[in-house]
C-alpha cells in the first residue's frame, strides 16, 4: 500500500490489534486530528462509525479492503473472529491529548464542529 495513493494521508504510525477475546470491544473513542485506515489482515470484525448523528457498521473480512476513518468520528471495533488480526495505519504519532474517550464529550465536540461550519 502507498501513502497518499491508496492511503489518503501520510502514514506516521502503524499498530496491530490481535488476540481480542470473544465479546470484547476495542476502541470506543474519537480523535480530534488523527485519521485512520483499518484493515483486517486475518479473520473478521465489525467497525462501528458514529458522526454524532448517524451510526453505521462495516464488516471487515478481506485483507485487500480497508476502512478510512476521518478525524472527528467515534469508532469502536467488535465481533472479532478467532485469530482476527487488524492493522491500523494512523496519520499522527501517538498523542493522548488527541483522544476523546467520553461519548458525551464527543457529542459536544461534534455539535461545536457543526456550529462552526454554519458560521
C-alpha atoms as a PDB file:
ATOM      1  CA  UNK A   1       0.000   0.000   0.000  1.00  0.00           C
ATOM      2  CA  UNK A   2       1.140   3.526  -0.677  1.00  0.00           C
ATOM      3  CA  UNK A   3       0.512   6.604   1.407  1.00  0.00           C
ATOM      4  CA  UNK A   4      -1.307   9.405  -0.417  1.00  0.00           C
ATOM      5  CA  UNK A   5      -2.261   6.888  -3.119  1.00  0.00           C
ATOM      6  CA  UNK A   6      -4.369   4.083  -1.602  1.00  0.00           C
ATOM      7  CA  UNK A   7      -3.989   5.626   1.866  1.00  0.00           C
ATOM      8  CA  UNK A   8      -5.265   9.241   1.788  1.00  0.00           C
ATOM      9  CA  UNK A   9      -2.681  10.613   4.247  1.00  0.00           C
ATOM     10  CA  UNK A  10       0.976  10.400   5.244  1.00  0.00           C
ATOM     11  CA  UNK A  11       1.417   7.352   7.500  1.00  0.00           C
ATOM     12  CA  UNK A  12       3.025   8.356  10.790  1.00  0.00           C
ATOM     13  CA  UNK A  13       2.293   5.205  12.791  1.00  0.00           C
ATOM     14  CA  UNK A  14       1.038   1.642  12.403  1.00  0.00           C
ATOM     15  CA  UNK A  15      -0.192  -0.697  15.102  1.00  0.00           C
ATOM     16  CA  UNK A  16      -1.829  -4.093  15.350  1.00  0.00           C
ATOM     17  CA  UNK A  17      -4.859  -5.340  17.237  1.00  0.00           C
ATOM     18  CA  UNK A  18      -4.866  -9.079  17.910  1.00  0.00           C
ATOM     19  CA  UNK A  19      -5.899 -11.743  20.434  1.00  0.00           C
ATOM     20  CA  UNK A  20      -9.160  -9.956  21.234  1.00  0.00           C
ATOM     21  CA  UNK A  21     -11.326 -12.331  23.302  1.00  0.00           C
ATOM     22  CA  UNK A  22     -14.854 -13.060  22.068  1.00  0.00           C
ATOM     23  CA  UNK A  23     -17.362 -10.431  23.113  1.00  0.00           C
ATOM     24  CA  UNK A  24     -14.698  -7.773  23.721  1.00  0.00           C
ATOM     25  CA  UNK A  25     -14.980  -4.290  22.212  1.00  0.00           C
ATOM     26  CA  UNK A  26     -11.925  -2.282  21.184  1.00  0.00           C
ATOM     27  CA  UNK A  27     -11.800   1.411  20.532  1.00  0.00           C
ATOM     28  CA  UNK A  28     -14.754   3.367  21.808  1.00  0.00           C
ATOM     29  CA  UNK A  29     -13.181   6.760  21.149  1.00  0.00           C
ATOM     30  CA  UNK A  30     -12.695   9.510  18.586  1.00  0.00           C
ATOM     31  CA  UNK A  31      -9.732  11.593  17.510  1.00  0.00           C
ATOM     32  CA  UNK A  32      -9.617  15.349  17.037  1.00  0.00           C
ATOM     33  CA  UNK A  33      -6.838  15.227  14.411  1.00  0.00           C
ATOM     34  CA  UNK A  34      -5.848  11.623  13.734  1.00  0.00           C
ATOM     35  CA  UNK A  35      -7.147   9.858  10.635  1.00  0.00           C
ATOM     36  CA  UNK A  36      -7.040   6.066  10.387  1.00  0.00           C
ATOM     37  CA  UNK A  37      -7.140   3.315   7.821  1.00  0.00           C
ATOM     38  CA  UNK A  38      -8.107  -0.101   9.267  1.00  0.00           C
ATOM     39  CA  UNK A  39      -7.504  -3.424   7.520  1.00  0.00           C
ATOM     40  CA  UNK A  40      -8.450  -6.960   8.602  1.00  0.00           C
ATOM     41  CA  UNK A  41      -5.281  -8.874   7.761  1.00  0.00           C
ATOM     42  CA  UNK A  42      -6.791 -12.098   9.110  1.00  0.00           C
ATOM     43  CA  UNK A  43     -10.227 -13.101  10.364  1.00  0.00           C
ATOM     44  CA  UNK A  44     -13.037 -10.603  10.653  1.00  0.00           C
ATOM     45  CA  UNK A  45     -14.514  -7.881  12.850  1.00  0.00           C
ATOM     46  CA  UNK A  46     -17.006  -5.044  12.655  1.00  0.00           C
ATOM     47  CA  UNK A  47     -16.164  -1.351  12.878  1.00  0.00           C
ATOM     48  CA  UNK A  48     -18.948   0.902  14.134  1.00  0.00           C
ATOM     49  CA  UNK A  49     -18.651   4.523  12.979  1.00  0.00           C
ATOM     50  CA  UNK A  50     -20.636   7.365  14.546  1.00  0.00           C
ATOM     51  CA  UNK A  51     -20.643  11.019  13.471  1.00  0.00           C
ATOM     52  CA  UNK A  52     -22.792  12.131  16.398  1.00  0.00           C
ATOM     53  CA  UNK A  53     -25.998  11.894  14.373  1.00  0.00           C
ATOM     54  CA  UNK A  54     -25.816   8.711  12.341  1.00  0.00           C
ATOM     55  CA  UNK A  55     -24.214   5.331  13.088  1.00  0.00           C
ATOM     56  CA  UNK A  56     -23.051   2.768  10.553  1.00  0.00           C
ATOM     57  CA  UNK A  57     -21.393  -0.629  10.861  1.00  0.00           C
ATOM     58  CA  UNK A  58     -18.784  -2.013   8.458  1.00  0.00           C
ATOM     59  CA  UNK A  59     -17.677  -5.645   8.394  1.00  0.00           C
ATOM     60  CA  UNK A  60     -14.017  -6.088   7.557  1.00  0.00           C
ATOM     61  CA  UNK A  61     -13.061  -9.601   6.486  1.00  0.00           C
ATOM     62  CA  UNK A  62     -10.763  -9.294   3.452  1.00  0.00           C
ATOM     63  CA  UNK A  63      -7.136  -8.189   3.563  1.00  0.00           C
ATOM     64  CA  UNK A  64      -7.450  -6.316   0.266  1.00  0.00           C
ATOM     65  CA  UNK A  65     -10.137  -3.930   1.604  1.00  0.00           C
ATOM     66  CA  UNK A  66      -9.789  -1.302   4.292  1.00  0.00           C
ATOM     67  CA  UNK A  67     -11.843   1.347   6.013  1.00  0.00           C
ATOM     68  CA  UNK A  68     -10.827   5.009   6.074  1.00  0.00           C
ATOM     69  CA  UNK A  69     -11.949   6.913   9.163  1.00  0.00           C
ATOM     70  CA  UNK A  70     -11.552  10.705   9.082  1.00  0.00           C
ATOM     71  CA  UNK A  71     -10.842  12.611  12.274  1.00  0.00           C
ATOM     72  CA  UNK A  72     -13.822  13.537  14.437  1.00  0.00           C
ATOM     73  CA  UNK A  73     -15.684  10.217  14.145  1.00  0.00           C
ATOM     74  CA  UNK A  74     -16.396   7.910  17.076  1.00  0.00           C
ATOM     75  CA  UNK A  75     -15.273   4.371  16.314  1.00  0.00           C
ATOM     76  CA  UNK A  76     -15.297   1.037  18.002  1.00  0.00           C
ATOM     77  CA  UNK A  77     -14.446  -2.459  16.872  1.00  0.00           C
ATOM     78  CA  UNK A  78     -16.367  -5.574  17.886  1.00  0.00           C
ATOM     79  CA  UNK A  79     -17.407  -9.098  16.858  1.00  0.00           C
ATOM     80  CA  UNK A  80     -13.819 -10.273  16.436  1.00  0.00           C
ATOM     81  CA  UNK A  81     -13.486 -13.759  14.985  1.00  0.00           C
ATOM     82  CA  UNK A  82     -10.980 -16.213  16.406  1.00  0.00           C
ATOM     83  CA  UNK A  83      -7.436 -15.204  15.426  1.00  0.00           C
ATOM     84  CA  UNK A  84      -8.545 -11.879  13.941  1.00  0.00           C
ATOM     85  CA  UNK A  85      -5.683  -9.518  13.188  1.00  0.00           C
ATOM     86  CA  UNK A  86      -6.171  -5.840  12.373  1.00  0.00           C
ATOM     87  CA  UNK A  87      -3.585  -3.335  11.257  1.00  0.00           C
ATOM     88  CA  UNK A  88      -4.341   0.334  11.836  1.00  0.00           C
ATOM     89  CA  UNK A  89      -2.485   2.993   9.861  1.00  0.00           C
ATOM     90  CA  UNK A  90      -2.508   6.392  11.513  1.00  0.00           C
ATOM     91  CA  UNK A  91      -1.905   9.917  10.230  1.00  0.00           C
ATOM     92  CA  UNK A  92      -0.294  11.033  13.514  1.00  0.00           C
ATOM     93  CA  UNK A  93       2.108   9.815  16.112  1.00  0.00           C
ATOM     94  CA  UNK A  94       0.519   8.735  19.407  1.00  0.00           C
ATOM     95  CA  UNK A  95      -0.870  11.701  21.345  1.00  0.00           C
ATOM     96  CA  UNK A  96      -3.095  11.030  24.368  1.00  0.00           C
ATOM     97  CA  UNK A  97      -4.497  14.585  24.156  1.00  0.00           C
ATOM     98  CA  UNK A  98      -5.948  13.864  20.704  1.00  0.00           C
ATOM     99  CA  UNK A  99      -8.342  11.228  22.084  1.00  0.00           C
ATOM    100  CA  UNK A 100     -11.965  11.864  23.000  1.00  0.00           C
ATOM    101  CA  UNK A 101     -12.786   8.903  25.250  1.00  0.00           C
ATOM    102  CA  UNK A 102     -16.105  10.035  26.736  1.00  0.00           C
ATOM    103  CA  UNK A 103     -19.118   9.693  24.431  1.00  0.00           C
ATOM    104  CA  UNK A 104     -20.952  12.737  25.837  1.00  0.00           C
ATOM    105  CA  UNK A 105     -17.826  14.857  25.306  1.00  0.00           C
ATOM    106  CA  UNK A 106     -17.683  13.515  21.757  1.00  0.00           C
ATOM    107  CA  UNK A 107     -21.285  14.604  21.115  1.00  0.00           C
ATOM    108  CA  UNK A 108     -20.495  18.095  22.468  1.00  0.00           C
ATOM    109  CA  UNK A 109     -17.377  18.232  20.260  1.00  0.00           C
ATOM    110  CA  UNK A 110     -19.346  17.247  17.134  1.00  0.00           C
ATOM    111  CA  UNK A 111     -22.078  19.768  17.919  1.00  0.00           C
ATOM    112  CA  UNK A 112     -19.462  22.507  18.266  1.00  0.00           C
ATOM    113  CA  UNK A 113     -17.879  21.460  14.938  1.00  0.00           C
ATOM    114  CA  UNK A 114     -21.249  21.592  13.150  1.00  0.00           C
ATOM    115  CA  UNK A 115     -21.984  25.053  14.615  1.00  0.00           C
ATOM    116  CA  UNK A 116     -18.595  26.348  13.407  1.00  0.00           C
ATOM    117  CA  UNK A 117     -19.399  25.197   9.865  1.00  0.00           C
ATOM    118  CA  UNK A 118     -22.647  27.167   9.863  1.00  0.00           C
ATOM    119  CA  UNK A 119     -20.991  30.469  10.806  1.00  0.00           C
END
